Amino acid sequence: MEASEVSVELYVLLSAVLFIMGVLGVLLRRNAILVFMSVELMLNAGNLALAAFARQWGNGDGHLMVFFVMTVAAAEVAVGLALIVAIFRTKQSINIDDLHMFKD
């Protein structure tokens, strides 16, 4: 059985679908953790597109960019989760609609 190679168009299509799902999650969700996960989904969709194009062109620069985006995303996770925990401790809620009244 001969192994078939997946075309770059399918990777880009999957990346676009994942990115749109992330955008919809950011726009439609009110829970801070779900919004945070949607942002991570959008970053990973961009990583998938970068890796697909790097594979198509036979260049390692795209893979290097994916590595740096993953590093920044890991730092974002640490800072974002710390902020979410701090907000939860003060407001007892992580609903985004409740955060506009941060005076309490």
N, C-alpha and C. Protein backbone atom coordinates (compact mmCIF):
# COMPACT_ATOMS: atom_id res chain seq x y z
N MET A 1 0.84 -1.17 0.00
CA MET A 1 0.00 0.00 0.00
C MET A 1 0.88 1.23 0.00
N GLU A 2 0.62 2.14 -0.89
CA GLU A 2 1.42 3.34 -1.03
C GLU A 2 0.87 4.43 -0.12
N ALA A 3 1.77 5.10 0.58
CA ALA A 3 1.35 6.18 1.49
C ALA A 3 1.06 7.43 0.69
N SER A 4 -0.09 8.01 0.91
CA SER A 4 -0.44 9.24 0.21
C SER A 4 -0.06 10.44 1.06
N GLU A 5 0.33 11.50 0.41
CA GLU A 5 0.77 12.70 1.10
C GLU A 5 -0.40 13.68 1.18
N VAL A 6 -0.58 14.28 2.34
CA VAL A 6 -1.65 15.24 2.54
C VAL A 6 -1.22 16.58 1.95
N SER A 7 -2.11 17.19 1.18
CA SER A 7 -1.75 18.46 0.53
C SER A 7 -1.79 19.60 1.55
N VAL A 8 -1.06 20.64 1.22
CA VAL A 8 -0.98 21.79 2.12
C VAL A 8 -2.32 22.52 2.19
N GLU A 9 -3.14 22.40 1.17
CA GLU A 9 -4.45 23.06 1.19
C GLU A 9 -5.33 22.51 2.30
N LEU A 10 -5.24 21.22 2.56
CA LEU A 10 -6.03 20.63 3.63
C LEU A 10 -5.56 21.10 5.00
N TYR A 11 -4.25 21.26 5.16
CA TYR A 11 -3.73 21.81 6.41
C TYR A 11 -4.21 23.24 6.61
N VAL A 12 -4.18 24.03 5.56
CA VAL A 12 -4.62 25.42 5.66
C VAL A 12 -6.12 25.49 5.92
N LEU A 13 -6.89 24.60 5.31
CA LEU A 13 -8.33 24.56 5.56
C LEU A 13 -8.61 24.21 7.03
N LEU A 14 -7.92 23.21 7.54
CA LEU A 14 -8.07 22.84 8.95
C LEU A 14 -7.66 24.00 9.85
N SER A 15 -6.57 24.67 9.50
CA SER A 15 -6.12 25.82 10.27
C SER A 15 -7.17 26.93 10.27
N ALA A 16 -7.79 27.18 9.13
CA ALA A 16 -8.82 28.22 9.04
C ALA A 16 -10.04 27.84 9.88
N VAL A 17 -10.44 26.58 9.84
CA VAL A 17 -11.58 26.14 10.63
C VAL A 17 -11.28 26.29 12.12
N LEU A 18 -10.10 25.90 12.55
CA LEU A 18 -9.73 26.03 13.96
C LEU A 18 -9.67 27.50 14.37
N PHE A 19 -9.15 28.35 13.49
CA PHE A 19 -9.06 29.78 13.81
C PHE A 19 -10.45 30.39 13.93
N ILE A 20 -11.36 30.03 13.03
CA ILE A 20 -12.73 30.55 13.10
C ILE A 20 -13.43 30.06 14.37
N MET A 21 -13.19 28.82 14.75
CA MET A 21 -13.76 28.32 16.00
C MET A 21 -13.23 29.11 17.19
N GLY A 22 -11.94 29.45 17.16
CA GLY A 22 -11.37 30.26 18.23
C GLY A 22 -11.96 31.66 18.28
N VAL A 23 -12.14 32.28 17.11
CA VAL A 23 -12.73 33.62 17.07
C VAL A 23 -14.16 33.59 17.61
N LEU A 24 -14.92 32.58 17.20
CA LEU A 24 -16.29 32.46 17.70
C LEU A 24 -16.31 32.23 19.21
N GLY A 25 -15.35 31.48 19.71
CA GLY A 25 -15.26 31.27 21.15
C GLY A 25 -14.96 32.54 21.90
N VAL A 26 -14.10 33.39 21.34
CA VAL A 26 -13.78 34.66 21.99
C VAL A 26 -14.99 35.59 21.95
N LEU A 27 -15.68 35.61 20.84
CA LEU A 27 -16.80 36.54 20.69
C LEU A 27 -18.06 36.10 21.43
N LEU A 28 -18.30 34.81 21.55
CA LEU A 28 -19.57 34.33 22.07
C LEU A 28 -19.54 33.89 23.53
N ARG A 29 -18.41 33.55 24.06
CA ARG A 29 -18.33 33.03 25.42
C ARG A 29 -18.17 34.15 26.44
N ARG A 30 -18.67 33.94 27.63
CA ARG A 30 -18.57 34.91 28.72
C ARG A 30 -17.66 34.39 29.84
N ASN A 31 -17.26 33.15 29.79
CA ASN A 31 -16.38 32.58 30.80
C ASN A 31 -14.94 32.88 30.42
N ALA A 32 -14.17 33.44 31.35
CA ALA A 32 -12.79 33.87 31.05
C ALA A 32 -11.91 32.70 30.66
N ILE A 33 -12.11 31.55 31.26
CA ILE A 33 -11.26 30.40 30.93
C ILE A 33 -11.56 29.90 29.51
N LEU A 34 -12.83 29.90 29.11
CA LEU A 34 -13.18 29.48 27.75
C LEU A 34 -12.66 30.48 26.72
N VAL A 35 -12.70 31.75 27.04
CA VAL A 35 -12.13 32.76 26.14
C VAL A 35 -10.62 32.55 26.03
N PHE A 36 -10.00 32.26 27.14
CA PHE A 36 -8.56 32.01 27.17
C PHE A 36 -8.20 30.79 26.31
N MET A 37 -9.00 29.74 26.42
CA MET A 37 -8.77 28.54 25.61
C MET A 37 -8.99 28.83 24.12
N SER A 38 -9.93 29.70 23.80
CA SER A 38 -10.18 30.06 22.41
C SER A 38 -9.01 30.83 21.82
N VAL A 39 -8.39 31.69 22.61
CA VAL A 39 -7.20 32.40 22.14
C VAL A 39 -6.07 31.41 21.87
N GLU A 40 -5.92 30.44 22.74
CA GLU A 40 -4.90 29.40 22.51
C GLU A 40 -5.20 28.59 21.25
N LEU A 41 -6.47 28.34 20.99
CA LEU A 41 -6.86 27.63 19.77
C LEU A 41 -6.48 28.43 18.54
N MET A 42 -6.66 29.74 18.59
CA MET A 42 -6.27 30.59 17.46
C MET A 42 -4.76 30.59 17.26
N LEU A 43 -4.00 30.62 18.34
CA LEU A 43 -2.54 30.55 18.22
C LEU A 43 -2.10 29.22 17.60
N ASN A 44 -2.71 28.14 18.01
CA ASN A 44 -2.35 26.84 17.45
C ASN A 44 -2.77 26.70 16.00
N ALA A 45 -3.86 27.36 15.61
CA ALA A 45 -4.27 27.35 14.20
C ALA A 45 -3.21 28.07 13.35
N GLY A 46 -2.71 29.17 13.86
CA GLY A 46 -1.62 29.86 13.16
C GLY A 46 -0.37 29.02 13.09
N ASN A 47 -0.07 28.30 14.17
CA ASN A 47 1.09 27.40 14.16
C ASN A 47 0.95 26.30 13.12
N LEU A 48 -0.25 25.76 12.98
CA LEU A 48 -0.48 24.72 11.99
C LEU A 48 -0.25 25.24 10.58
N ALA A 49 -0.73 26.44 10.30
CA ALA A 49 -0.51 27.03 8.97
C ALA A 49 0.98 27.29 8.73
N LEU A 50 1.67 27.82 9.73
CA LEU A 50 3.11 28.06 9.58
C LEU A 50 3.88 26.77 9.32
N ALA A 51 3.55 25.72 10.06
CA ALA A 51 4.24 24.45 9.88
C ALA A 51 3.92 23.84 8.51
N ALA A 52 2.68 24.00 8.05
CA ALA A 52 2.30 23.45 6.74
C ALA A 52 3.05 24.15 5.62
N PHE A 53 3.13 25.48 5.69
CA PHE A 53 3.85 26.21 4.65
C PHE A 53 5.35 25.95 4.71
N ALA A 54 5.89 25.80 5.91
CA ALA A 54 7.32 25.49 6.02
C ALA A 54 7.61 24.12 5.42
N ARG A 55 6.71 23.18 5.61
CA ARG A 55 6.89 21.85 5.02
C ARG A 55 6.78 21.90 3.50
N GLN A 56 5.84 22.70 3.01
CA GLN A 56 5.66 22.80 1.56
C GLN A 56 6.89 23.41 0.89
N TRP A 57 7.44 24.45 1.49
CA TRP A 57 8.58 25.14 0.89
C TRP A 57 9.92 24.51 1.25
N GLY A 58 9.90 23.52 2.15
CA GLY A 58 11.13 22.86 2.54
C GLY A 58 12.09 23.76 3.29
N ASN A 59 11.51 24.68 4.08
CA ASN A 59 12.31 25.67 4.80
C ASN A 59 12.08 25.49 6.29
N GLY A 60 13.13 25.56 7.06
CA GLY A 60 13.01 25.37 8.50
C GLY A 60 12.63 26.61 9.27
N ASP A 61 12.54 27.76 8.59
CA ASP A 61 12.22 29.00 9.29
C ASP A 61 10.81 28.98 9.87
N GLY A 62 9.87 28.38 9.16
CA GLY A 62 8.51 28.28 9.67
C GLY A 62 8.43 27.44 10.93
N HIS A 63 9.19 26.37 10.97
CA HIS A 63 9.22 25.53 12.17
C HIS A 63 9.85 26.29 13.33
N LEU A 64 10.84 27.11 13.05
CA LEU A 64 11.45 27.94 14.09
C LEU A 64 10.45 28.95 14.63
N MET A 65 9.65 29.55 13.74
CA MET A 65 8.62 30.50 14.17
C MET A 65 7.57 29.80 15.04
N VAL A 66 7.20 28.57 14.67
CA VAL A 66 6.24 27.81 15.47
C VAL A 66 6.80 27.59 16.87
N PHE A 67 8.07 27.29 16.96
CA PHE A 67 8.70 27.09 18.27
C PHE A 67 8.61 28.36 19.11
N PHE A 68 8.89 29.52 18.51
CA PHE A 68 8.82 30.78 19.25
C PHE A 68 7.39 31.13 19.64
N VAL A 69 6.43 30.87 18.78
CA VAL A 69 5.02 31.13 19.12
C VAL A 69 4.59 30.23 20.27
N MET A 70 5.03 28.97 20.27
CA MET A 70 4.69 28.07 21.37
C MET A 70 5.32 28.55 22.68
N THR A 71 6.52 29.10 22.61
CA THR A 71 7.18 29.63 23.80
C THR A 71 6.42 30.82 24.36
N VAL A 72 6.01 31.73 23.48
CA VAL A 72 5.23 32.89 23.92
C VAL A 72 3.88 32.45 24.45
N ALA A 73 3.26 31.46 23.83
CA ALA A 73 1.97 30.96 24.29
C ALA A 73 2.09 30.33 25.68
N ALA A 74 3.18 29.66 25.96
CA ALA A 74 3.39 29.07 27.29
C ALA A 74 3.52 30.17 28.34
N ALA A 75 4.22 31.24 28.00
CA ALA A 75 4.32 32.37 28.93
C ALA A 75 2.97 33.04 29.11
N GLU A 76 2.20 33.14 28.04
CA GLU A 76 0.87 33.73 28.12
C GLU A 76 -0.04 32.90 29.01
N VAL A 77 0.07 31.59 28.93
CA VAL A 77 -0.74 30.71 29.78
C VAL A 77 -0.42 30.97 31.24
N ALA A 78 0.83 31.07 31.58
CA ALA A 78 1.22 31.30 32.98
C ALA A 78 0.67 32.63 33.49
N VAL A 79 0.84 33.68 32.72
CA VAL A 79 0.37 35.00 33.15
C VAL A 79 -1.15 35.06 33.14
N GLY A 80 -1.77 34.52 32.10
CA GLY A 80 -3.23 34.55 32.00
C GLY A 80 -3.92 33.79 33.11
N LEU A 81 -3.43 32.61 33.41
CA LEU A 81 -4.04 31.84 34.50
C LEU A 81 -3.83 32.51 35.85
N ALA A 82 -2.68 33.15 36.05
CA ALA A 82 -2.46 33.88 37.29
C ALA A 82 -3.45 35.05 37.41
N LEU A 83 -3.69 35.74 36.30
CA LEU A 83 -4.68 36.83 36.33
C LEU A 83 -6.08 36.31 36.59
N ILE A 84 -6.44 35.21 35.97
CA ILE A 84 -7.77 34.64 36.17
C ILE A 84 -7.96 34.22 37.63
N VAL A 85 -6.94 33.62 38.23
CA VAL A 85 -7.03 33.22 39.64
C VAL A 85 -7.14 34.44 40.53
N ALA A 86 -6.37 35.49 40.23
CA ALA A 86 -6.44 36.71 41.04
C ALA A 86 -7.81 37.38 40.93
N ILE A 87 -8.36 37.41 39.74
CA ILE A 87 -9.69 38.00 39.55
C ILE A 87 -10.74 37.16 40.27
N PHE A 88 -10.62 35.84 40.20
CA PHE A 88 -11.58 34.98 40.88
C PHE A 88 -11.53 35.18 42.39
N ARG A 89 -10.35 35.38 42.93
CA ARG A 89 -10.23 35.58 44.38
C ARG A 89 -10.88 36.86 44.83
N THR A 90 -10.85 37.90 43.99
CA THR A 90 -11.45 39.17 44.40
C THR A 90 -12.93 39.24 44.07
N LYS A 91 -13.36 38.71 42.93
CA LYS A 91 -14.74 38.84 42.48
C LYS A 91 -15.59 37.59 42.73
N GLN A 92 -14.98 36.46 43.03
CA GLN A 92 -15.66 35.18 43.18
C GLN A 92 -16.43 34.78 41.91
N SER A 93 -15.95 35.26 40.76
CA SER A 93 -16.57 34.94 39.47
C SER A 93 -15.54 35.15 38.38
N ILE A 94 -15.63 34.36 37.32
CA ILE A 94 -14.77 34.58 36.16
C ILE A 94 -15.59 34.92 34.93
N ASN A 95 -16.82 35.38 35.18
CA ASN A 95 -17.67 35.82 34.09
C ASN A 95 -17.18 37.18 33.59
N ILE A 96 -16.98 37.30 32.30
CA ILE A 96 -16.42 38.53 31.74
C ILE A 96 -17.36 39.71 31.93
N ASP A 97 -18.66 39.48 31.91
CA ASP A 97 -19.62 40.56 32.09
C ASP A 97 -19.54 41.16 33.49
N ASP A 98 -19.11 40.37 34.47
CA ASP A 98 -18.99 40.88 35.84
C ASP A 98 -17.72 41.70 36.05
N LEU A 99 -16.78 41.65 35.15
CA LEU A 99 -15.50 42.31 35.36
C LEU A 99 -15.55 43.82 35.10
N HIS A 100 -16.57 44.31 34.42
CA HIS A 100 -16.62 45.74 34.17
C HIS A 100 -16.94 46.53 35.43
N MET A 101 -17.44 45.86 36.44
CA MET A 101 -17.68 46.50 37.73
C MET A 101 -16.57 46.07 38.69
N PHE A 102 -15.37 46.50 38.44
CA PHE A 102 -14.21 46.05 39.22
C PHE A 102 -13.97 46.93 40.45
N LYS A 103 -14.91 47.81 40.78
CA LYS A 103 -14.73 48.73 41.91
C LYS A 103 -14.89 48.04 43.26
N ASP A 104 -15.63 46.95 43.32
CA ASP A 104 -15.91 46.27 44.60
C ASP A 104 -14.70 45.64 45.19
